[in-house]
Amino acid sequence: MKKHLIAAAALIATTGAWAQSTVTLYGALDASVAYIKNAAPGQSATYVNDSAIQSSLWGLKGSEDLGNGMKANFNLQGDVNMGTGAANAEFFRREANVSLVDADYGELRVGRTLSPAYVNSQGGVILPGNSIGVTSALAMGYAADIFTRNAITYYSPVMSGVKATVQYAAGERAGTTANSARKTAFSLTYADGPARAGLAGEEVLGLDGKTTRRHYNVNGQYSLGDIKLGGGLYWVHKGASASGNADTAQGKLSSHGVILSAGYQFDPALIAAVTYNSNSLGSKLLNVTVRQALSKRTTVYALLGQADNSTKDVKFTALWGDNTTAVYNSKQTALALGMIHAF
């Protein structure tokens, strides 16, 4: 018995040593001081804002070399609110997955992870971030699909600059609408030197087999020295099905739009960009961002945003954060001065 206990203790100690040598704690924190005119109709506000550009997050990830060019990975990632210190109720809401990676054949990932359609949706934005991407996704009603539950995702290796991603999520829990959306999503991107292009789409089905949402986007970027130009088109189709993940309060109608973006690299550490999003239902979003890198891990920024919504169905917010609310039939202007620190 004593020998068995000693062997078990040795195994635990060895396993702990393995875990300690391969697990990485990582994260990024984004906090800003923000002022919003028309934060609510006729009211303004000044406050500490969270995640205006970079989502404040932390995570654990690890990798094991299996030999012959193959690795086993895992990733667990959750949120943290910089104003309150609170975490999301879903502890690892952002990433919770394992994967096998082969140098020649790509990566097969199982578990919750980002939708490739959402990732590509900011492919035409020179300085992407939450105040453009998440704000737009929420306004048009596909924010619930940014992180795909129950996902099986394949990422191809890069071949002549081309990379493909395919994702499928099966509906689960028969007889309920909770956690039951079935989704297929894809992206196809090309990157070579100063040029980048991509197209992507996703379709969400309810338990009744009817489409609840479709989202497609195509975009690209090109650098002319220090001048950077980008843009894209997007389409969001909303179906009549009530099953699957519930639609958000906004974005109940189908719409399409255009995104235009331009930037200038003043020096390797300083860049400025302006991005404009115009939706077919009459809503507009303007974002001007300046970022100054202080080091590889620390960046300060200034952000000016303006949202102009003439429809109740697609309402942009001027700034993404925990205290922002879209307003209808009135311009909303926001200014944020913040810092991002990665670890």
Protein backbone atom coordinates (compact mmCIF):
# COMPACT_ATOMS: atom_id res chain seq x y z
CA MET A 1 0.00 0.00 0.00
CA LYS A 2 2.82 2.35 0.95
CA LYS A 3 4.55 1.69 -2.39
CA HIS A 4 1.32 2.55 -4.24
CA LEU A 5 0.99 5.84 -2.34
CA ILE A 6 4.60 6.77 -3.10
CA ALA A 7 4.08 5.96 -6.79
CA ALA A 8 0.88 8.05 -6.88
CA ALA A 9 2.60 10.98 -5.19
CA ALA A 10 5.46 10.77 -7.69
CA LEU A 11 2.99 10.73 -10.58
CA ILE A 12 1.14 13.78 -9.23
CA ALA A 13 4.40 15.65 -8.73
CA THR A 14 5.56 14.78 -12.24
CA THR A 15 2.20 15.76 -13.77
CA GLY A 16 2.32 19.05 -11.90
CA ALA A 17 5.78 19.73 -13.27
CA TRP A 18 4.57 19.07 -16.81
CA ALA A 19 1.61 21.43 -16.34
CA GLN A 20 3.80 24.14 -14.89
CA SER A 21 6.24 23.99 -17.80
CA THR A 22 3.61 24.12 -20.58
CA VAL A 23 0.79 26.35 -19.24
CA THR A 24 0.93 30.09 -20.02
CA LEU A 25 -1.05 32.79 -18.24
CA TYR A 26 -1.83 35.62 -20.65
CA GLY A 27 -4.17 38.55 -21.07
CA ALA A 28 -4.85 42.11 -22.14
CA LEU A 29 -6.39 44.99 -20.18
CA ASP A 30 -8.04 48.06 -21.74
CA ALA A 31 -9.17 50.95 -19.52
CA SER A 32 -10.09 54.48 -20.55
CA VAL A 33 -11.66 57.68 -19.30
CA ALA A 34 -14.63 58.41 -21.56
CA TYR A 35 -17.05 61.24 -22.18
CA ILE A 36 -20.26 60.60 -24.12
CA LYS A 37 -22.65 63.27 -25.30
CA ASN A 38 -26.15 61.76 -25.50
CA ALA A 39 -25.15 58.68 -23.50
CA ALA A 40 -28.92 58.55 -22.96
CA PRO A 41 -31.35 60.87 -24.79
CA GLY A 42 -30.46 64.40 -23.71
CA GLN A 43 -27.93 63.26 -21.09
CA SER A 44 -24.14 63.19 -21.07
CA ALA A 45 -21.75 61.16 -18.93
CA THR A 46 -18.08 60.92 -17.92
CA TYR A 47 -16.83 57.62 -16.53
CA VAL A 48 -14.15 54.91 -16.52
CA ASN A 49 -14.77 52.71 -19.55
CA ASP A 50 -13.75 49.11 -20.23
CA SER A 51 -12.68 47.50 -23.52
CA ALA A 52 -13.14 50.43 -25.88
CA ILE A 53 -10.67 48.87 -28.33
CA GLN A 54 -9.24 45.63 -26.91
CA SER A 55 -11.45 43.33 -24.87
CA SER A 56 -10.11 43.08 -21.33
CA LEU A 57 -9.42 39.38 -20.90
CA TRP A 58 -7.26 36.76 -19.28
CA GLY A 59 -6.61 33.16 -20.13
CA LEU A 60 -4.65 29.97 -19.79
CA LYS A 61 -3.15 28.21 -22.79
CA GLY A 62 -0.73 25.41 -23.34
CA SER A 63 0.91 23.30 -26.00
CA GLU A 64 2.51 19.86 -26.11
CA ASP A 65 4.88 18.79 -28.86
CA LEU A 66 3.74 15.36 -30.08
CA GLY A 67 6.58 15.00 -32.57
CA ASN A 68 6.58 14.74 -36.38
CA GLY A 69 5.34 18.34 -36.71
CA MET A 70 2.22 17.78 -34.57
CA LYS A 71 1.13 19.60 -31.40
CA ALA A 72 -1.76 19.38 -28.94
CA ASN A 73 -3.07 22.75 -27.69
CA PHE A 74 -5.67 24.04 -25.28
CA ASN A 75 -7.04 27.54 -24.64
CA LEU A 76 -9.30 28.87 -21.86
CA GLN A 77 -10.19 32.57 -22.00
CA GLY A 78 -12.53 34.75 -19.97
CA ASP A 79 -13.43 38.41 -19.42
CA VAL A 80 -12.55 40.93 -16.75
CA ASN A 81 -14.22 44.33 -16.31
CA MET A 82 -11.67 47.10 -15.69
CA GLY A 83 -14.19 49.35 -13.98
CA THR A 84 -15.53 46.85 -11.46
CA GLY A 85 -13.18 43.86 -11.58
CA ALA A 86 -16.15 41.60 -12.30
CA ALA A 87 -15.98 38.52 -14.51
CA ASN A 88 -18.66 37.32 -16.91
CA ALA A 89 -21.15 34.76 -15.58
CA GLU A 90 -19.83 32.32 -18.21
CA PHE A 91 -16.34 32.00 -16.77
CA PHE A 92 -14.50 31.04 -19.98
CA ARG A 93 -17.02 32.74 -22.28
CA ARG A 94 -14.53 33.59 -25.01
CA GLU A 95 -12.45 30.45 -25.55
CA ALA A 96 -12.73 26.92 -24.16
CA ASN A 97 -11.21 24.44 -26.58
CA VAL A 98 -8.58 21.82 -27.39
CA SER A 99 -6.93 21.27 -30.75
CA LEU A 100 -4.50 19.20 -32.78
CA VAL A 101 -2.13 21.16 -35.02
CA ASP A 102 -0.12 19.65 -37.86
CA ALA A 103 2.48 21.68 -39.73
CA ASP A 104 1.33 20.30 -43.09
CA TYR A 105 -2.44 19.80 -42.61
CA GLY A 106 -3.54 22.65 -40.36
CA GLU A 107 -5.48 22.75 -37.08
CA LEU A 108 -8.61 20.94 -35.91
CA ARG A 109 -10.15 22.68 -32.88
CA VAL A 110 -13.05 21.43 -30.73
CA GLY A 111 -14.88 23.69 -28.31
CA ARG A 112 -16.00 27.28 -27.97
CA THR A 113 -14.09 29.75 -30.13
CA LEU A 114 -14.53 32.83 -32.33
CA SER A 115 -16.66 32.74 -35.46
CA PRO A 116 -14.46 33.05 -38.56
CA ALA A 117 -17.16 35.23 -40.14
CA TYR A 118 -16.90 37.76 -37.32
CA VAL A 119 -13.08 37.70 -37.37
CA ASN A 120 -13.11 38.53 -41.08
CA SER A 121 -15.75 41.25 -40.67
CA GLN A 122 -13.03 43.70 -39.56
CA GLY A 123 -10.63 42.72 -42.33
CA GLY A 124 -11.10 46.05 -44.11
CA VAL A 125 -10.61 48.17 -40.98
CA ILE A 126 -7.15 49.70 -40.59
CA LEU A 127 -7.36 49.88 -36.78
CA PRO A 128 -9.97 47.28 -35.80
CA GLY A 129 -11.42 47.19 -32.31
CA ASN A 130 -14.55 46.77 -30.23
CA SER A 131 -15.89 50.28 -30.89
CA ILE A 132 -16.16 49.32 -34.56
CA GLY A 133 -16.55 45.52 -34.67
CA VAL A 134 -18.57 44.61 -31.58
CA THR A 135 -20.65 47.78 -31.86
CA SER A 136 -21.58 46.86 -35.44
CA ALA A 137 -22.29 43.22 -34.57
CA LEU A 138 -24.60 44.22 -31.73
CA ALA A 139 -26.43 46.81 -33.81
CA MET A 140 -27.17 44.32 -36.58
CA GLY A 141 -28.16 41.47 -34.33
CA TYR A 142 -25.43 38.87 -34.78
CA ALA A 143 -23.44 39.61 -31.62
CA ALA A 144 -24.70 36.36 -30.08
CA ASP A 145 -22.70 34.47 -32.70
CA ILE A 146 -19.28 36.09 -32.16
CA PHE A 147 -18.22 33.18 -29.95
CA THR A 148 -19.51 29.86 -31.28
CA ARG A 149 -20.59 27.25 -28.74
CA ASN A 150 -20.12 23.54 -29.37
CA ALA A 151 -17.88 24.32 -32.34
CA ILE A 152 -15.78 22.08 -34.55
CA THR A 153 -13.40 24.36 -36.43
CA TYR A 154 -10.77 23.58 -39.06
CA TYR A 155 -8.00 26.05 -39.94
CA SER A 156 -6.01 25.22 -43.06
CA PRO A 157 -2.28 25.93 -43.34
CA VAL A 158 -1.33 29.04 -45.30
CA MET A 159 -0.72 28.10 -48.94
CA SER A 160 0.59 30.83 -51.26
CA GLY A 161 -0.92 33.42 -48.93
CA VAL A 162 -4.35 31.74 -48.82
CA LYS A 163 -5.93 30.39 -45.62
CA ALA A 164 -9.36 28.77 -45.20
CA THR A 165 -11.41 28.32 -42.01
CA VAL A 166 -14.54 26.17 -41.72
CA GLN A 167 -16.71 25.93 -38.60
CA TYR A 168 -19.72 23.82 -37.66
CA ALA A 169 -21.76 23.83 -34.46
CA ALA A 170 -24.40 21.17 -33.92
CA GLY A 171 -27.70 21.97 -32.21
CA GLU A 172 -27.90 20.39 -28.76
CA ARG A 173 -30.38 19.73 -25.95
CA ALA A 174 -33.35 18.48 -27.96
CA GLY A 175 -36.68 19.98 -26.96
CA THR A 176 -35.23 23.28 -25.70
CA THR A 177 -34.05 26.52 -27.30
CA ALA A 178 -31.20 26.99 -24.84
CA ASN A 179 -27.82 26.33 -26.42
CA SER A 180 -29.56 24.88 -29.48
CA ALA A 181 -28.49 27.00 -32.42
CA ARG A 182 -26.90 25.12 -35.31
CA LYS A 183 -24.35 27.09 -37.24
CA THR A 184 -22.04 26.79 -40.21
CA ALA A 185 -19.43 29.47 -40.86
CA PHE A 186 -16.40 29.96 -43.07
CA SER A 187 -13.74 32.43 -44.11
CA LEU A 188 -11.24 32.54 -46.95
CA THR A 189 -8.40 35.05 -46.70
CA TYR A 190 -5.39 36.08 -48.75
CA ALA A 191 -2.42 38.06 -47.46
CA ASP A 192 0.78 38.88 -49.31
CA GLY A 193 2.98 41.88 -48.62
CA PRO A 194 0.93 45.09 -48.66
CA ALA A 195 -2.32 43.39 -49.74
CA ARG A 196 -4.97 41.55 -47.75
CA ALA A 197 -8.41 40.32 -48.88
CA GLY A 198 -11.07 38.10 -47.37
CA LEU A 199 -14.62 36.84 -47.67
CA ALA A 200 -16.69 35.08 -45.02
CA GLY A 201 -20.18 34.01 -44.08
CA GLU A 202 -22.26 32.18 -41.54
CA GLU A 203 -25.74 30.73 -41.25
CA VAL A 204 -27.58 30.02 -37.98
CA LEU A 205 -30.47 27.56 -37.89
CA GLY A 206 -33.04 26.98 -35.16
CA LEU A 207 -34.40 23.62 -34.01
CA ASP A 208 -37.22 24.01 -36.55
CA GLY A 209 -34.64 24.04 -39.35
CA LYS A 210 -35.44 27.63 -40.31
CA THR A 211 -32.79 30.29 -40.72
CA THR A 212 -32.54 32.78 -37.87
CA ARG A 213 -29.55 34.70 -39.23
CA ARG A 214 -27.20 34.87 -42.18
CA HIS A 215 -24.17 37.14 -42.28
CA TYR A 216 -21.75 37.65 -45.17
CA ASN A 217 -18.84 40.05 -45.61
CA VAL A 218 -16.10 40.74 -48.14
CA ASN A 219 -13.27 43.21 -47.56
CA GLY A 220 -9.64 44.08 -48.14
CA GLN A 221 -6.69 46.34 -47.35
CA TYR A 222 -3.73 47.73 -49.23
CA SER A 223 -0.69 49.67 -47.99
CA LEU A 224 0.93 52.38 -50.11
CA GLY A 225 3.98 52.99 -47.96
CA ASP A 226 2.76 54.81 -44.85
CA ILE A 227 -0.74 55.26 -46.30
CA LYS A 228 -3.16 52.41 -45.61
CA LEU A 229 -6.52 51.97 -47.33
CA GLY A 230 -9.28 49.46 -46.58
CA GLY A 231 -12.95 48.78 -47.00
CA GLY A 232 -15.62 46.16 -47.41
CA LEU A 233 -19.26 45.23 -47.90
CA TYR A 234 -21.53 43.25 -45.57
CA TRP A 235 -25.01 41.72 -45.59
CA VAL A 236 -27.12 40.58 -42.64
CA HIS A 237 -30.29 38.57 -43.28
CA LYS A 238 -32.72 37.95 -40.41
CA GLY A 239 -35.08 34.99 -40.70
CA ALA A 240 -38.45 34.43 -39.09
CA SER A 241 -37.49 31.45 -36.92
CA ALA A 242 -37.86 31.93 -33.18
CA SER A 243 -35.73 28.94 -32.19
CA GLY A 244 -32.01 28.88 -31.66
CA ASN A 245 -30.15 31.68 -29.93
CA ALA A 246 -32.48 34.63 -29.41
CA ASP A 247 -31.88 37.76 -31.47
CA THR A 248 -30.69 40.82 -29.62
CA ALA A 249 -33.07 43.71 -29.06
CA GLN A 250 -31.52 45.47 -32.04
CA GLY A 251 -30.96 44.23 -35.55
CA LYS A 252 -34.36 42.65 -36.16
CA LEU A 253 -34.42 43.56 -39.86
CA SER A 254 -32.21 42.50 -42.73
CA SER A 255 -29.70 45.11 -43.88
CA HIS A 256 -26.49 45.67 -45.77
CA GLY A 257 -23.79 48.28 -45.72
CA VAL A 258 -20.34 49.53 -46.59
CA ILE A 259 -17.23 50.12 -44.46
CA LEU A 260 -14.49 52.53 -45.57
CA SER A 261 -11.21 52.93 -43.69
CA ALA A 262 -7.97 54.88 -44.14
CA GLY A 263 -4.90 55.29 -41.97
CA TYR A 264 -1.43 56.81 -41.81
CA GLN A 265 1.66 55.33 -40.13
CA PHE A 266 3.56 58.35 -38.79
CA ASP A 267 6.35 56.15 -37.44
CA PRO A 268 6.62 52.49 -36.34
CA ALA A 269 5.00 53.32 -32.99
CA LEU A 270 2.36 55.90 -34.02
CA ILE A 271 -0.63 55.30 -36.29
CA ALA A 272 -3.96 57.06 -36.89
CA ALA A 273 -7.03 55.84 -38.78
CA VAL A 274 -10.57 56.85 -39.62
CA THR A 275 -13.35 54.32 -40.31
CA TYR A 276 -16.89 54.92 -41.58
CA ASN A 277 -19.74 52.38 -41.47
CA SER A 278 -22.94 53.19 -43.37
CA ASN A 279 -25.95 50.85 -43.07
CA SER A 280 -28.81 50.55 -45.57
CA LEU A 281 -31.41 51.26 -42.85
CA GLY A 282 -30.02 54.75 -42.31
CA SER A 283 -27.56 54.33 -39.44
CA LYS A 284 -23.98 55.63 -39.62
CA LEU A 285 -20.89 55.19 -37.47
CA LEU A 286 -17.71 57.29 -37.64
CA ASN A 287 -14.58 56.28 -35.70
CA VAL A 288 -11.25 58.13 -35.48
CA THR A 289 -8.48 56.41 -33.52
CA VAL A 290 -4.87 57.31 -32.76
CA ARG A 291 -2.59 54.71 -31.15
CA GLN A 292 0.89 55.24 -29.72
CA ALA A 293 2.91 52.17 -28.73
CA LEU A 294 5.03 52.78 -25.64
CA SER A 295 6.48 49.27 -25.76
CA LYS A 296 5.66 45.87 -27.22
CA ARG A 297 3.05 45.36 -24.51
CA THR A 298 1.72 48.84 -23.72
CA THR A 299 -0.24 51.21 -25.98
CA VAL A 300 -2.02 54.48 -25.27
CA TYR A 301 -4.83 55.74 -27.48
CA ALA A 302 -7.34 58.46 -28.19
CA LEU A 303 -10.67 57.58 -29.76
CA LEU A 304 -13.39 59.83 -31.15
CA GLY A 305 -16.66 58.22 -32.20
CA GLN A 306 -19.95 59.47 -33.57
CA ALA A 307 -23.11 57.45 -34.18
CA ASP A 308 -26.10 58.80 -36.12
CA ASN A 309 -29.12 56.49 -36.06
CA SER A 310 -32.28 57.22 -38.00
CA THR A 311 -33.77 53.78 -37.45
CA LYS A 312 -34.81 51.82 -34.36
CA ASP A 313 -33.72 48.53 -35.90
CA VAL A 314 -29.99 49.16 -36.42
CA LYS A 315 -28.50 51.46 -33.78
CA PHE A 316 -24.78 51.99 -33.51
CA THR A 317 -23.11 53.26 -30.35
CA ALA A 318 -20.33 55.84 -30.54
CA LEU A 319 -18.16 53.89 -28.10
CA TRP A 320 -18.09 50.27 -26.97
CA GLY A 321 -18.04 49.70 -23.23
CA ASP A 322 -19.98 48.54 -20.21
CA ASN A 323 -21.94 51.81 -19.78
CA THR A 324 -22.85 52.64 -23.38
CA THR A 325 -26.35 52.54 -24.85
CA ALA A 326 -27.40 53.32 -28.42
CA VAL A 327 -29.81 56.21 -28.98
CA TYR A 328 -32.37 56.67 -31.75
CA ASN A 329 -32.94 59.74 -33.94
CA SER A 330 -30.10 61.67 -32.31
CA LYS A 331 -26.34 61.94 -32.78
CA GLN A 332 -24.17 60.42 -30.07
CA THR A 333 -20.56 61.58 -29.73
CA ALA A 334 -17.87 59.96 -27.57
CA LEU A 335 -14.26 60.69 -26.65
CA ALA A 336 -12.04 58.17 -24.86
CA LEU A 337 -8.42 58.39 -23.67
CA GLY A 338 -7.07 55.03 -22.63
CA MET A 339 -4.32 52.48 -22.29
CA ILE A 340 -3.97 48.83 -23.30
CA HIS A 341 -1.50 46.59 -21.50
CA ALA A 342 -0.85 42.98 -22.55
CA PHE A 343 0.80 40.30 -20.45
